[in-house]
Amino acid sequence: MIFVNDVINHEEHKRMYLSRIEEYKKTHDSIMPIGYTALPSELEKVSKDHVVHSDFHIADKNHLDFFKELFTNTDMRNLLTKIGGDLHLNEFGEFTWMLESVWFQQYEKNGEHCWHNHPHCHFTNVYFLEMPNEKDKTEVLGLNNKLYSYEAKEGQMITFPGFLQHRSNAITSDRKTIISFNTSYQVPKFMS
């Protein structure tokens, strides 16, 4: 199950966050250590020009301030509520969603991120902030051990269960930038 949705005001978000990421890279060591992006068995074969920037591995990060505008605007809040509706959570009454964590990743040509999942959340969301080549989209492995087939392009966000294995294969374009975040949903508690 993968939900694909358009992010409203994408061009505005893209300009703001690409600029903000460039500033962040000037003042932080944003290159992810290879141990974050490659499996131990892959370390020897990882390309020397494998570069992935992120704020995920930086201890002094303040993600919520960095991404505050994205998650306080009505459009994103409505989109996350829509996804809850697509999951039919409204059948249980009024539900809420929670933002568990958020970070950016920026892949330079040949940059990649190995198979992994996101524990401690219900859903993983990947907003394709910058993705010139649609073939560079995130790959998601289903429970049947086969890749999910879906179409997505820059300006869209995919949502899928956080326990599913996923990766970014070595990108073919010069750069790809995503905003990744984890969400969970809560339905009302019923008293017996």
C-alpha atoms as a PDB file:
ATOM      1  CA  MET A   1       0.000   0.000   0.000  1.00  0.00           C
ATOM      2  CA  ILE A   2       1.487   3.293  -1.137  1.00  0.00           C
ATOM      3  CA  PHE A   3      -0.466   6.538  -1.175  1.00  0.00           C
ATOM      4  CA  VAL A   4       0.725   9.189  -3.642  1.00  0.00           C
ATOM      5  CA  ASN A   5      -0.420  12.789  -3.127  1.00  0.00           C
ATOM      6  CA  ASP A   6       0.455  16.180  -4.559  1.00  0.00           C
ATOM      7  CA  VAL A   7       1.961  18.692  -2.143  1.00  0.00           C
ATOM      8  CA  ILE A   8       0.215  22.055  -2.542  1.00  0.00           C
ATOM      9  CA  ASN A   9       2.503  25.064  -3.100  1.00  0.00           C
ATOM     10  CA  HIS A  10       5.366  22.761  -4.038  1.00  0.00           C
ATOM     11  CA  GLU A  11       7.362  25.432  -5.906  1.00  0.00           C
ATOM     12  CA  GLU A  12       7.275  27.710  -2.859  1.00  0.00           C
ATOM     13  CA  HIS A  13       8.370  24.852  -0.559  1.00  0.00           C
ATOM     14  CA  LYS A  14      11.078  23.844  -3.002  1.00  0.00           C
ATOM     15  CA  ARG A  15      12.612  27.335  -3.172  1.00  0.00           C
ATOM     16  CA  MET A  16      12.503  27.816   0.593  1.00  0.00           C
ATOM     17  CA  TYR A  17      13.812  24.395   1.633  1.00  0.00           C
ATOM     18  CA  LEU A  18      16.534  24.097  -1.015  1.00  0.00           C
ATOM     19  CA  SER A  19      17.831  27.494   0.101  1.00  0.00           C
ATOM     20  CA  ARG A  20      17.587  26.498   3.761  1.00  0.00           C
ATOM     21  CA  ILE A  21      19.391  23.201   3.097  1.00  0.00           C
ATOM     22  CA  GLU A  22      22.230  25.002   1.290  1.00  0.00           C
ATOM     23  CA  GLU A  23      22.667  27.307   4.296  1.00  0.00           C
ATOM     24  CA  TYR A  24      22.579  24.337   6.659  1.00  0.00           C
ATOM     25  CA  LYS A  25      25.293  22.554   4.667  1.00  0.00           C
ATOM     26  CA  LYS A  26      27.583  25.593   5.079  1.00  0.00           C
ATOM     27  CA  THR A  27      27.483  25.402   8.872  1.00  0.00           C
ATOM     28  CA  HIS A  28      27.101  21.660   9.556  1.00  0.00           C
ATOM     29  CA  ASP A  29      28.909  18.488   8.523  1.00  0.00           C
ATOM     30  CA  SER A  30      25.870  17.279   6.645  1.00  0.00           C
ATOM     31  CA  ILE A  31      27.507  14.407   4.745  1.00  0.00           C
ATOM     32  CA  MET A  32      26.017  11.242   6.194  1.00  0.00           C
ATOM     33  CA  PRO A  33      28.578   8.710   7.407  1.00  0.00           C
ATOM     34  CA  ILE A  34      28.611   5.727   5.047  1.00  0.00           C
ATOM     35  CA  GLY A  35      27.426   3.462   7.881  1.00  0.00           C
ATOM     36  CA  TYR A  36      24.032   5.198   7.751  1.00  0.00           C
ATOM     37  CA  THR A  37      23.477   4.661   4.045  1.00  0.00           C
ATOM     38  CA  ALA A  38      25.106   1.302   3.238  1.00  0.00           C
ATOM     39  CA  LEU A  39      24.758  -2.135   4.775  1.00  0.00           C
ATOM     40  CA  PRO A  40      27.950  -3.524   6.378  1.00  0.00           C
ATOM     41  CA  SER A  41      28.201  -6.096   3.561  1.00  0.00           C
ATOM     42  CA  GLU A  42      28.094  -3.283   0.967  1.00  0.00           C
ATOM     43  CA  LEU A  43      30.716  -0.957   2.429  1.00  0.00           C
ATOM     44  CA  GLU A  44      33.569  -2.124   0.183  1.00  0.00           C
ATOM     45  CA  LYS A  45      31.618  -1.742  -3.045  1.00  0.00           C
ATOM     46  CA  VAL A  46      30.098   1.677  -2.320  1.00  0.00           C
ATOM     47  CA  SER A  47      31.226   4.238  -4.870  1.00  0.00           C
ATOM     48  CA  LYS A  48      33.800   6.806  -3.744  1.00  0.00           C
ATOM     49  CA  ASP A  49      31.532   9.575  -5.074  1.00  0.00           C
ATOM     50  CA  HIS A  50      28.599   8.317  -2.997  1.00  0.00           C
ATOM     51  CA  VAL A  51      27.498  11.501  -1.208  1.00  0.00           C
ATOM     52  CA  VAL A  52      24.305  11.954   0.771  1.00  0.00           C
ATOM     53  CA  HIS A  53      23.676  15.097   2.817  1.00  0.00           C
ATOM     54  CA  SER A  54      21.227  15.032   5.716  1.00  0.00           C
ATOM     55  CA  ASP A  55      20.460  16.441   9.128  1.00  0.00           C
ATOM     56  CA  PHE A  56      19.325  13.013  10.368  1.00  0.00           C
ATOM     57  CA  HIS A  57      22.679  12.091  11.952  1.00  0.00           C
ATOM     58  CA  ILE A  58      23.428  15.469  13.560  1.00  0.00           C
ATOM     59  CA  ALA A  59      22.899  15.544  17.316  1.00  0.00           C
ATOM     60  CA  ASP A  60      22.145  19.272  17.654  1.00  0.00           C
ATOM     61  CA  LYS A  61      19.416  19.283  15.029  1.00  0.00           C
ATOM     62  CA  ASN A  62      16.116  20.983  15.723  1.00  0.00           C
ATOM     63  CA  HIS A  63      13.955  19.438  13.014  1.00  0.00           C
ATOM     64  CA  LEU A  64      10.686  20.967  14.035  1.00  0.00           C
ATOM     65  CA  ASP A  65      12.035  24.514  13.774  1.00  0.00           C
ATOM     66  CA  PHE A  66      13.720  23.740  10.445  1.00  0.00           C
ATOM     67  CA  PHE A  67      10.479  22.360   8.963  1.00  0.00           C
ATOM     68  CA  LYS A  68       7.985  24.373  11.016  1.00  0.00           C
ATOM     69  CA  GLU A  69       6.335  26.117   8.040  1.00  0.00           C
ATOM     70  CA  LEU A  70       5.705  22.836   6.241  1.00  0.00           C
ATOM     71  CA  PHE A  71       3.801  21.259   9.130  1.00  0.00           C
ATOM     72  CA  THR A  72       1.974  24.298  10.467  1.00  0.00           C
ATOM     73  CA  ASN A  73       0.449  25.250   7.124  1.00  0.00           C
ATOM     74  CA  THR A  74      -3.125  24.210   6.536  1.00  0.00           C
ATOM     75  CA  ASP A  75      -2.391  22.411   3.266  1.00  0.00           C
ATOM     76  CA  MET A  76      -0.030  19.825   4.796  1.00  0.00           C
ATOM     77  CA  ARG A  77      -2.245  19.379   7.840  1.00  0.00           C
ATOM     78  CA  ASN A  78      -5.213  18.763   5.521  1.00  0.00           C
ATOM     79  CA  LEU A  79      -3.151  16.329   3.436  1.00  0.00           C
ATOM     80  CA  LEU A  80      -2.187  14.256   6.482  1.00  0.00           C
ATOM     81  CA  THR A  81      -5.833  14.280   7.602  1.00  0.00           C
ATOM     82  CA  LYS A  82      -6.874  13.201   4.069  1.00  0.00           C
ATOM     83  CA  ILE A  83      -4.479  10.237   4.288  1.00  0.00           C
ATOM     84  CA  GLY A  84      -6.127   9.225   7.567  1.00  0.00           C
ATOM     85  CA  GLY A  85      -9.459   9.383   5.741  1.00  0.00           C
ATOM     86  CA  ASP A  86      -8.025   7.277   2.889  1.00  0.00           C
ATOM     87  CA  LEU A  87      -7.145   4.728   5.586  1.00  0.00           C
ATOM     88  CA  HIS A  88     -10.829   4.846   6.705  1.00  0.00           C
ATOM     89  CA  LEU A  89      -9.818   5.904  10.204  1.00  0.00           C
ATOM     90  CA  ASN A  90     -12.835   8.220  10.334  1.00  0.00           C
ATOM     91  CA  GLU A  91     -15.020   5.121  10.644  1.00  0.00           C
ATOM     92  CA  PHE A  92     -13.830   4.951  14.267  1.00  0.00           C
ATOM     93  CA  GLY A  93     -14.688   8.568  15.001  1.00  0.00           C
ATOM     94  CA  GLU A  94     -12.478  11.622  14.979  1.00  0.00           C
ATOM     95  CA  PHE A  95      -8.820  10.612  14.631  1.00  0.00           C
ATOM     96  CA  THR A  96      -5.616  12.573  15.082  1.00  0.00           C
ATOM     97  CA  TRP A  97      -2.198  12.362  13.474  1.00  0.00           C
ATOM     98  CA  MET A  98       1.168  12.986  15.096  1.00  0.00           C
ATOM     99  CA  LEU A  99       4.480  13.970  13.558  1.00  0.00           C
ATOM    100  CA  GLU A 100       7.087  11.600  15.019  1.00  0.00           C
ATOM    101  CA  SER A 101      10.266  12.854  13.278  1.00  0.00           C
ATOM    102  CA  VAL A 102      11.376  14.771  10.186  1.00  0.00           C
ATOM    103  CA  TRP A 103      14.649  15.282   8.293  1.00  0.00           C
ATOM    104  CA  PHE A 104      16.006  16.038   4.825  1.00  0.00           C
ATOM    105  CA  GLN A 105      18.228  13.922   2.620  1.00  0.00           C
ATOM    106  CA  GLN A 106      19.980  15.268  -0.449  1.00  0.00           C
ATOM    107  CA  TYR A 107      21.599  12.767  -2.777  1.00  0.00           C
ATOM    108  CA  GLU A 108      24.328  13.781  -5.192  1.00  0.00           C
ATOM    109  CA  LYS A 109      24.809  11.734  -8.381  1.00  0.00           C
ATOM    110  CA  ASN A 110      25.368   8.047  -7.479  1.00  0.00           C
ATOM    111  CA  GLY A 111      24.289   8.721  -3.870  1.00  0.00           C
ATOM    112  CA  GLU A 112      22.124   5.997  -2.400  1.00  0.00           C
ATOM    113  CA  HIS A 113      20.558   4.697   0.807  1.00  0.00           C
ATOM    114  CA  CYS A 114      20.401   0.955   1.481  1.00  0.00           C
ATOM    115  CA  TRP A 115      17.321  -1.063   2.410  1.00  0.00           C
ATOM    116  CA  HIS A 116      15.939  -0.009   5.779  1.00  0.00           C
ATOM    117  CA  ASN A 117      12.677   0.628   7.588  1.00  0.00           C
ATOM    118  CA  HIS A 118      11.430   3.156  10.144  1.00  0.00           C
ATOM    119  CA  PRO A 119      10.433   1.660  13.510  1.00  0.00           C
ATOM    120  CA  HIS A 120       8.348   3.401  16.184  1.00  0.00           C
ATOM    121  CA  CYS A 121       5.844   4.949  13.773  1.00  0.00           C
ATOM    122  CA  HIS A 122       2.881   3.892  11.695  1.00  0.00           C
ATOM    123  CA  PHE A 123       3.815   5.547   8.399  1.00  0.00           C
ATOM    124  CA  THR A 124       6.821   6.843   6.538  1.00  0.00           C
ATOM    125  CA  ASN A 125       6.328   9.792   4.211  1.00  0.00           C
ATOM    126  CA  VAL A 126       8.729  10.873   1.479  1.00  0.00           C
ATOM    127  CA  TYR A 127       8.173  14.285  -0.096  1.00  0.00           C
ATOM    128  CA  PHE A 128      10.060  14.508  -3.384  1.00  0.00           C
ATOM    129  CA  LEU A 129      11.233  18.101  -3.062  1.00  0.00           C
ATOM    130  CA  GLU A 130      13.685  17.841  -5.969  1.00  0.00           C
ATOM    131  CA  MET A 131      13.673  14.855  -8.332  1.00  0.00           C
ATOM    132  CA  PRO A 132      14.526  15.596 -11.975  1.00  0.00           C
ATOM    133  CA  ASN A 133      14.368  11.915 -12.946  1.00  0.00           C
ATOM    134  CA  GLU A 134      11.266   9.995 -11.861  1.00  0.00           C
ATOM    135  CA  LYS A 135      13.303   6.766 -12.037  1.00  0.00           C
ATOM    136  CA  ASP A 136      15.104   7.984  -8.896  1.00  0.00           C
ATOM    137  CA  LYS A 137      12.002   7.610  -6.721  1.00  0.00           C
ATOM    138  CA  THR A 138      12.151   5.599  -3.496  1.00  0.00           C
ATOM    139  CA  GLU A 139      11.825   1.846  -3.953  1.00  0.00           C
ATOM    140  CA  VAL A 140       9.474   0.082  -1.504  1.00  0.00           C
ATOM    141  CA  LEU A 141       9.504  -3.669  -0.921  1.00  0.00           C
ATOM    142  CA  GLY A 142       6.171  -5.336  -0.230  1.00  0.00           C
ATOM    143  CA  LEU A 143       5.529  -8.172   2.195  1.00  0.00           C
ATOM    144  CA  ASN A 144       5.672 -10.546  -0.791  1.00  0.00           C
ATOM    145  CA  ASN A 145       9.313  -9.491  -1.306  1.00  0.00           C
ATOM    146  CA  LYS A 146       8.432  -7.699  -4.570  1.00  0.00           C
ATOM    147  CA  LEU A 147       8.796  -4.012  -5.339  1.00  0.00           C
ATOM    148  CA  TYR A 148       5.643  -1.958  -5.175  1.00  0.00           C
ATOM    149  CA  SER A 149       4.807  -0.399  -8.515  1.00  0.00           C
ATOM    150  CA  TYR A 150       3.747   3.242  -8.300  1.00  0.00           C
ATOM    151  CA  GLU A 151       4.135   6.487 -10.201  1.00  0.00           C
ATOM    152  CA  ALA A 152       5.452   9.606  -8.465  1.00  0.00           C
ATOM    153  CA  LYS A 153       7.198  12.773  -9.517  1.00  0.00           C
ATOM    154  CA  GLU A 154       8.742  15.866  -7.994  1.00  0.00           C
ATOM    155  CA  GLY A 155       6.207  17.773  -5.905  1.00  0.00           C
ATOM    156  CA  GLN A 156       4.481  14.616  -4.724  1.00  0.00           C
ATOM    157  CA  MET A 157       4.623  12.729  -1.445  1.00  0.00           C
ATOM    158  CA  ILE A 158       4.404   9.002  -0.910  1.00  0.00           C
ATOM    159  CA  THR A 159       3.089   7.436   2.289  1.00  0.00           C
ATOM    160  CA  PHE A 160       3.535   3.777   3.237  1.00  0.00           C
ATOM    161  CA  PRO A 161       3.728   1.641   6.402  1.00  0.00           C
ATOM    162  CA  GLY A 162       6.936   2.430   8.299  1.00  0.00           C
ATOM    163  CA  PHE A 163       7.823  -1.246   8.757  1.00  0.00           C
ATOM    164  CA  LEU A 164       8.214  -1.815   4.997  1.00  0.00           C
ATOM    165  CA  GLN A 165      11.766  -2.017   3.695  1.00  0.00           C
ATOM    166  CA  HIS A 166      12.623   0.810   1.297  1.00  0.00           C
ATOM    167  CA  ARG A 167      15.672   2.404  -0.283  1.00  0.00           C
ATOM    168  CA  SER A 168      16.977   5.017  -2.631  1.00  0.00           C
ATOM    169  CA  ASN A 169      18.957   3.238  -5.306  1.00  0.00           C
ATOM    170  CA  ALA A 170      22.017   5.088  -6.695  1.00  0.00           C
ATOM    171  CA  ILE A 171      20.485   8.151  -8.320  1.00  0.00           C
ATOM    172  CA  THR A 172      21.072   8.868 -11.992  1.00  0.00           C
ATOM    173  CA  SER A 173      20.408  12.621 -11.972  1.00  0.00           C
ATOM    174  CA  ASP A 174      22.809  15.215 -10.559  1.00  0.00           C
ATOM    175  CA  ARG A 175      20.809  15.626  -7.369  1.00  0.00           C
ATOM    176  CA  LYS A 176      17.675  14.459  -5.573  1.00  0.00           C
ATOM    177  CA  THR A 177      16.320  16.063  -2.383  1.00  0.00           C
ATOM    178  CA  ILE A 178      13.623  14.636  -0.147  1.00  0.00           C
ATOM    179  CA  ILE A 179      11.970  15.606   3.075  1.00  0.00           C
ATOM    180  CA  SER A 180      11.256  12.413   4.958  1.00  0.00           C
ATOM    181  CA  PHE A 181       9.026  12.216   7.993  1.00  0.00           C
ATOM    182  CA  ASN A 182       7.272   9.675  10.157  1.00  0.00           C
ATOM    183  CA  THR A 183       3.668   9.916  11.271  1.00  0.00           C
ATOM    184  CA  SER A 184       1.324   7.941  13.473  1.00  0.00           C
ATOM    185  CA  TYR A 185      -2.457   8.035  13.721  1.00  0.00           C
ATOM    186  CA  GLN A 186      -4.641   7.626  16.775  1.00  0.00           C
ATOM    187  CA  VAL A 187      -8.311   6.684  16.804  1.00  0.00           C
ATOM    188  CA  PRO A 188     -10.597   7.411  19.783  1.00  0.00           C
ATOM    189  CA  LYS A 189     -10.374   5.133  22.783  1.00  0.00           C
ATOM    190  CA  PHE A 190     -13.545   3.205  23.383  1.00  0.00           C
ATOM    191  CA  MET A 191     -14.669   2.473  26.923  1.00  0.00           C
ATOM    192  CA  SER A 192     -16.439  -0.805  27.618  1.00  0.00           C
END
